[in-house]
Amino acid sequence: MTRIPFLGILLLMTGISSAQSVLYASPGGSGTQCSAANPCALLTARGQARSLLPAATGNVTVRCYGGLYALDSTFTLDNRDGGRPGIRMIYDAVPGEQPVLSGGKSISGWTLFDAVRNIWRASVPAGLRTRQLYVNDIRATRARGPDNPAGWVKTANGYTAPNGAVAAYG
């Protein structure tokens, strides 16, 4: 699972104003208060920040408590999050906290496939495309074949396989 520490995003426009509106989010947040005592979910805080911005007389800040924000899709900031002249939209961490935004997926149901080579396997959701694999928060080596396998020839358009067996892979 890829984890990217969220160190803060500052979206700037011209001018400087002191923060007038502060919303709080946490990984387990719920409801719509978005207060320090009752933080809301990150997407709820973003929605509220967007609704406050047009009438804001000072900066609009979303403060994120520490922990893992497990996201099902990309957390997108767009033109609605760019502030306006003299007013900034600010996303940052609550002081001393370390929020982590992650789109990683937990995979369960692992079974030992080859005890001699310590190879494990598990089913994954259809369409899951991964670049990295983490086991207990440590990056692991993904399954792979040998470097420069016999019979494969590099061409200007890619590779030529030694036989047609790989044509069935997609």
C-alpha atoms as a PDB file:
ATOM      1  CA  MET A   1       0.000   0.000   0.000  1.00  0.00           C
ATOM      2  CA  THR A   2       1.462   3.338  -1.024  1.00  0.00           C
ATOM      3  CA  ARG A   3       1.270   5.944   1.694  1.00  0.00           C
ATOM      4  CA  ILE A   4       2.077   9.558   1.053  1.00  0.00           C
ATOM      5  CA  PRO A   5       2.563  11.800   4.093  1.00  0.00           C
ATOM      6  CA  PHE A   6       0.293  14.831   3.870  1.00  0.00           C
ATOM      7  CA  LEU A   7       2.544  17.701   4.826  1.00  0.00           C
ATOM      8  CA  GLY A   8       0.085  20.366   3.822  1.00  0.00           C
ATOM      9  CA  ILE A   9      -1.159  22.081   0.724  1.00  0.00           C
ATOM     10  CA  LEU A  10      -1.259  25.836   0.509  1.00  0.00           C
ATOM     11  CA  LEU A  11      -3.246  27.227  -2.387  1.00  0.00           C
ATOM     12  CA  LEU A  12      -2.372  30.870  -2.809  1.00  0.00           C
ATOM     13  CA  MET A  13      -3.948  33.813  -4.501  1.00  0.00           C
ATOM     14  CA  THR A  14      -2.819  37.420  -4.185  1.00  0.00           C
ATOM     15  CA  GLY A  15      -2.913  39.174  -0.818  1.00  0.00           C
ATOM     16  CA  ILE A  16      -2.702  37.963   2.758  1.00  0.00           C
ATOM     17  CA  SER A  17      -5.545  37.534   5.243  1.00  0.00           C
ATOM     18  CA  SER A  18      -5.736  35.939   8.651  1.00  0.00           C
ATOM     19  CA  ALA A  19      -7.726  32.695   8.931  1.00  0.00           C
ATOM     20  CA  GLN A  20     -11.388  33.418   9.608  1.00  0.00           C
ATOM     21  CA  SER A  21     -12.877  29.974   9.031  1.00  0.00           C
ATOM     22  CA  VAL A  22     -11.213  26.812  10.311  1.00  0.00           C
ATOM     23  CA  LEU A  23     -12.665  23.370   9.614  1.00  0.00           C
ATOM     24  CA  TYR A  24     -11.322  20.125  11.085  1.00  0.00           C
ATOM     25  CA  ALA A  25     -11.171  16.691   9.469  1.00  0.00           C
ATOM     26  CA  SER A  26     -10.094  13.318  10.804  1.00  0.00           C
ATOM     27  CA  PRO A  27      -9.874   9.800   9.351  1.00  0.00           C
ATOM     28  CA  GLY A  28     -12.839   8.698  11.491  1.00  0.00           C
ATOM     29  CA  GLY A  29     -14.679  11.991  11.249  1.00  0.00           C
ATOM     30  CA  SER A  30     -18.414  12.077  10.677  1.00  0.00           C
ATOM     31  CA  GLY A  31     -21.267  14.516  10.704  1.00  0.00           C
ATOM     32  CA  THR A  32     -21.075  18.082   9.490  1.00  0.00           C
ATOM     33  CA  GLN A  33     -19.728  20.086  12.436  1.00  0.00           C
ATOM     34  CA  CYS A  34     -16.105  19.978  11.229  1.00  0.00           C
ATOM     35  CA  SER A  35     -15.027  21.421  14.584  1.00  0.00           C
ATOM     36  CA  ALA A  36     -11.925  20.590  16.606  1.00  0.00           C
ATOM     37  CA  ALA A  37     -14.086  18.619  19.067  1.00  0.00           C
ATOM     38  CA  ASN A  38     -16.221  16.963  16.349  1.00  0.00           C
ATOM     39  CA  PRO A  39     -14.182  16.721  13.151  1.00  0.00           C
ATOM     40  CA  CYS A  40     -15.832  15.604   9.933  1.00  0.00           C
ATOM     41  CA  ALA A  41     -14.589  13.472   7.034  1.00  0.00           C
ATOM     42  CA  LEU A  42     -12.053  15.024   4.660  1.00  0.00           C
ATOM     43  CA  LEU A  43     -14.514  15.204   1.743  1.00  0.00           C
ATOM     44  CA  THR A  44     -17.126  16.856   3.969  1.00  0.00           C
ATOM     45  CA  ALA A  45     -14.574  19.462   5.079  1.00  0.00           C
ATOM     46  CA  ARG A  46     -13.630  20.120   1.473  1.00  0.00           C
ATOM     47  CA  GLY A  47     -17.298  20.609   0.547  1.00  0.00           C
ATOM     48  CA  GLN A  48     -17.876  22.988   3.440  1.00  0.00           C
ATOM     49  CA  ALA A  49     -14.701  24.933   2.644  1.00  0.00           C
ATOM     50  CA  ARG A  50     -15.904  25.331  -0.938  1.00  0.00           C
ATOM     51  CA  SER A  51     -19.280  26.628   0.247  1.00  0.00           C
ATOM     52  CA  LEU A  52     -17.669  29.121   2.677  1.00  0.00           C
ATOM     53  CA  LEU A  53     -15.204  30.558   0.184  1.00  0.00           C
ATOM     54  CA  PRO A  54     -17.504  32.839  -1.888  1.00  0.00           C
ATOM     55  CA  ALA A  55     -18.579  34.898   1.148  1.00  0.00           C
ATOM     56  CA  ALA A  56     -15.386  34.516   3.212  1.00  0.00           C
ATOM     57  CA  THR A  57     -13.808  37.680   4.581  1.00  0.00           C
ATOM     58  CA  GLY A  58     -10.640  35.830   5.603  1.00  0.00           C
ATOM     59  CA  ASN A  59      -8.792  32.646   4.762  1.00  0.00           C
ATOM     60  CA  VAL A  60     -10.604  29.305   4.828  1.00  0.00           C
ATOM     61  CA  THR A  61      -8.501  26.573   6.451  1.00  0.00           C
ATOM     62  CA  VAL A  62      -9.038  22.808   6.618  1.00  0.00           C
ATOM     63  CA  ARG A  63      -6.946  21.256   9.409  1.00  0.00           C
ATOM     64  CA  CYS A  64      -6.386  17.510   9.262  1.00  0.00           C
ATOM     65  CA  TYR A  65      -5.838  15.357  12.328  1.00  0.00           C
ATOM     66  CA  GLY A  66      -3.233  12.611  12.083  1.00  0.00           C
ATOM     67  CA  GLY A  67      -3.960   9.101  10.914  1.00  0.00           C
ATOM     68  CA  LEU A  68      -4.665   7.192   7.737  1.00  0.00           C
ATOM     69  CA  TYR A  69      -7.228   8.698   5.356  1.00  0.00           C
ATOM     70  CA  ALA A  70      -8.139   5.612   3.295  1.00  0.00           C
ATOM     71  CA  LEU A  71      -9.439   7.042   0.028  1.00  0.00           C
ATOM     72  CA  ASP A  72     -11.512   5.177  -2.559  1.00  0.00           C
ATOM     73  CA  SER A  73     -10.685   7.734  -5.232  1.00  0.00           C
ATOM     74  CA  THR A  74      -8.298  10.607  -5.876  1.00  0.00           C
ATOM     75  CA  PHE A  75      -8.644  13.568  -3.523  1.00  0.00           C
ATOM     76  CA  THR A  76      -9.082  16.328  -6.076  1.00  0.00           C
ATOM     77  CA  LEU A  77      -8.579  20.033  -5.586  1.00  0.00           C
ATOM     78  CA  ASP A  78      -9.722  22.204  -8.479  1.00  0.00           C
ATOM     79  CA  ASN A  79     -10.621  25.810  -9.309  1.00  0.00           C
ATOM     80  CA  ARG A  80     -13.185  25.845  -6.481  1.00  0.00           C
ATOM     81  CA  ASP A  81     -10.310  25.385  -4.030  1.00  0.00           C
ATOM     82  CA  GLY A  82      -7.993  28.116  -5.302  1.00  0.00           C
ATOM     83  CA  GLY A  83      -9.169  30.956  -3.120  1.00  0.00           C
ATOM     84  CA  ARG A  84      -9.808  34.367  -4.558  1.00  0.00           C
ATOM     85  CA  PRO A  85      -7.998  37.718  -4.439  1.00  0.00           C
ATOM     86  CA  GLY A  86      -6.984  38.365  -0.844  1.00  0.00           C
ATOM     87  CA  ILE A  87      -8.470  35.090   0.429  1.00  0.00           C
ATOM     88  CA  ARG A  88      -6.586  31.811   0.652  1.00  0.00           C
ATOM     89  CA  MET A  89      -7.875  28.252   0.857  1.00  0.00           C
ATOM     90  CA  ILE A  90      -5.415  26.362   3.067  1.00  0.00           C
ATOM     91  CA  TYR A  91      -5.144  22.627   3.843  1.00  0.00           C
ATOM     92  CA  ASP A  92      -2.712  21.727   6.602  1.00  0.00           C
ATOM     93  CA  ALA A  93      -2.070  19.302   9.439  1.00  0.00           C
ATOM     94  CA  VAL A  94      -3.149  19.985  12.997  1.00  0.00           C
ATOM     95  CA  PRO A  95       0.125  20.968  14.739  1.00  0.00           C
ATOM     96  CA  GLY A  96       1.996  17.866  15.902  1.00  0.00           C
ATOM     97  CA  GLU A  97      -0.181  15.517  13.813  1.00  0.00           C
ATOM     98  CA  GLN A  98       0.746  13.550  10.679  1.00  0.00           C
ATOM     99  CA  PRO A  99      -2.168  12.851   8.329  1.00  0.00           C
ATOM    100  CA  VAL A 100      -1.551  10.284   5.572  1.00  0.00           C
ATOM    101  CA  LEU A 101      -3.689  10.185   2.417  1.00  0.00           C
ATOM    102  CA  SER A 102      -3.715   6.698   0.905  1.00  0.00           C
ATOM    103  CA  GLY A 103      -5.445   5.072  -2.026  1.00  0.00           C
ATOM    104  CA  GLY A 104      -3.982   1.689  -1.102  1.00  0.00           C
ATOM    105  CA  LYS A 105      -6.195  -1.374  -0.901  1.00  0.00           C
ATOM    106  CA  SER A 106      -5.921  -4.017   1.804  1.00  0.00           C
ATOM    107  CA  ILE A 107      -5.759  -7.537   0.422  1.00  0.00           C
ATOM    108  CA  SER A 108      -6.728 -10.455   2.663  1.00  0.00           C
ATOM    109  CA  GLY A 109      -7.073 -14.205   2.198  1.00  0.00           C
ATOM    110  CA  TRP A 110      -3.398 -14.891   1.576  1.00  0.00           C
ATOM    111  CA  THR A 111      -2.418 -18.559   1.204  1.00  0.00           C
ATOM    112  CA  LEU A 112       1.003 -20.175   0.977  1.00  0.00           C
ATOM    113  CA  PHE A 113       1.577 -21.154  -2.657  1.00  0.00           C
ATOM    114  CA  ASP A 114       5.202 -22.357  -2.539  1.00  0.00           C
ATOM    115  CA  ALA A 115       6.726 -22.956   0.901  1.00  0.00           C
ATOM    116  CA  VAL A 116      10.247 -23.585  -0.456  1.00  0.00           C
ATOM    117  CA  ARG A 117      10.404 -20.166  -2.142  1.00  0.00           C
ATOM    118  CA  ASN A 118       8.111 -18.442   0.415  1.00  0.00           C
ATOM    119  CA  ILE A 119       5.597 -17.438  -2.255  1.00  0.00           C
ATOM    120  CA  TRP A 120       2.141 -16.369  -1.116  1.00  0.00           C
ATOM    121  CA  ARG A 121      -0.921 -15.498  -3.195  1.00  0.00           C
ATOM    122  CA  ALA A 122      -4.332 -13.909  -2.810  1.00  0.00           C
ATOM    123  CA  SER A 123      -7.211 -12.915  -5.044  1.00  0.00           C
ATOM    124  CA  VAL A 124      -7.519  -9.211  -5.823  1.00  0.00           C
ATOM    125  CA  PRO A 125     -10.461  -7.152  -7.089  1.00  0.00           C
ATOM    126  CA  ALA A 126     -10.931  -7.158 -10.869  1.00  0.00           C
ATOM    127  CA  GLY A 127      -9.192  -4.228 -12.511  1.00  0.00           C
ATOM    128  CA  LEU A 128      -6.802  -3.566  -9.616  1.00  0.00           C
ATOM    129  CA  ARG A 129      -3.585  -2.174 -11.062  1.00  0.00           C
ATOM    130  CA  THR A 130      -0.695  -2.015  -8.642  1.00  0.00           C
ATOM    131  CA  ARG A 131       2.833  -0.706  -8.790  1.00  0.00           C
ATOM    132  CA  GLN A 132       3.876  -1.420  -5.231  1.00  0.00           C
ATOM    133  CA  LEU A 133       3.155  -4.049  -2.590  1.00  0.00           C
ATOM    134  CA  TYR A 134       3.528  -3.511   1.152  1.00  0.00           C
ATOM    135  CA  VAL A 135       3.436  -6.237   3.795  1.00  0.00           C
ATOM    136  CA  ASN A 136       3.045  -4.925   7.350  1.00  0.00           C
ATOM    137  CA  ASP A 137       4.036  -1.428   6.148  1.00  0.00           C
ATOM    138  CA  ILE A 138       7.262  -2.715   4.542  1.00  0.00           C
ATOM    139  CA  ARG A 139       7.688  -2.567   0.763  1.00  0.00           C
ATOM    140  CA  ALA A 140       7.815  -6.104  -0.636  1.00  0.00           C
ATOM    141  CA  THR A 141       9.060  -7.600  -3.891  1.00  0.00           C
ATOM    142  CA  ARG A 142       6.250  -8.365  -6.313  1.00  0.00           C
ATOM    143  CA  ALA A 143       6.184 -11.610  -8.278  1.00  0.00           C
ATOM    144  CA  ARG A 144       8.308 -11.444 -11.391  1.00  0.00           C
ATOM    145  CA  GLY A 145      10.205 -13.564 -13.856  1.00  0.00           C
ATOM    146  CA  PRO A 146      13.913 -13.692 -14.600  1.00  0.00           C
ATOM    147  CA  ASP A 147      15.726 -10.704 -16.087  1.00  0.00           C
ATOM    148  CA  ASN A 148      16.405 -11.120 -19.823  1.00  0.00           C
ATOM    149  CA  PRO A 149      14.507 -14.418 -20.280  1.00  0.00           C
ATOM    150  CA  ALA A 150      15.811 -16.753 -22.996  1.00  0.00           C
ATOM    151  CA  GLY A 151      14.151 -16.439 -26.396  1.00  0.00           C
ATOM    152  CA  TRP A 152      12.816 -12.909 -25.957  1.00  0.00           C
ATOM    153  CA  VAL A 153      14.107 -10.380 -28.481  1.00  0.00           C
ATOM    154  CA  LYS A 154      13.855  -6.620 -28.091  1.00  0.00           C
ATOM    155  CA  THR A 155      12.616  -4.896 -31.240  1.00  0.00           C
ATOM    156  CA  ALA A 156      11.892  -1.270 -32.166  1.00  0.00           C
ATOM    157  CA  ASN A 157       8.206  -1.884 -31.263  1.00  0.00           C
ATOM    158  CA  GLY A 158       8.652  -3.878 -28.064  1.00  0.00           C
ATOM    159  CA  TYR A 159       9.571  -7.554 -27.663  1.00  0.00           C
ATOM    160  CA  THR A 160       9.123 -10.744 -29.643  1.00  0.00           C
ATOM    161  CA  ALA A 161       8.240 -13.797 -27.516  1.00  0.00           C
ATOM    162  CA  PRO A 162       9.755 -17.262 -28.104  1.00  0.00           C
ATOM    163  CA  ASN A 163       6.240 -18.679 -28.681  1.00  0.00           C
ATOM    164  CA  GLY A 164       2.605 -17.628 -28.802  1.00  0.00           C
ATOM    165  CA  ALA A 165       1.761 -18.696 -25.227  1.00  0.00           C
ATOM    166  CA  VAL A 166       1.856 -15.144 -23.884  1.00  0.00           C
ATOM    167  CA  ALA A 167      -0.686 -13.917 -26.445  1.00  0.00           C
ATOM    168  CA  ALA A 168      -3.461 -15.148 -24.123  1.00  0.00           C
ATOM    169  CA  TYR A 169      -2.382 -12.760 -21.350  1.00  0.00           C
ATOM    170  CA  GLY A 170      -4.160  -9.432 -21.284  1.00  0.00           C
END
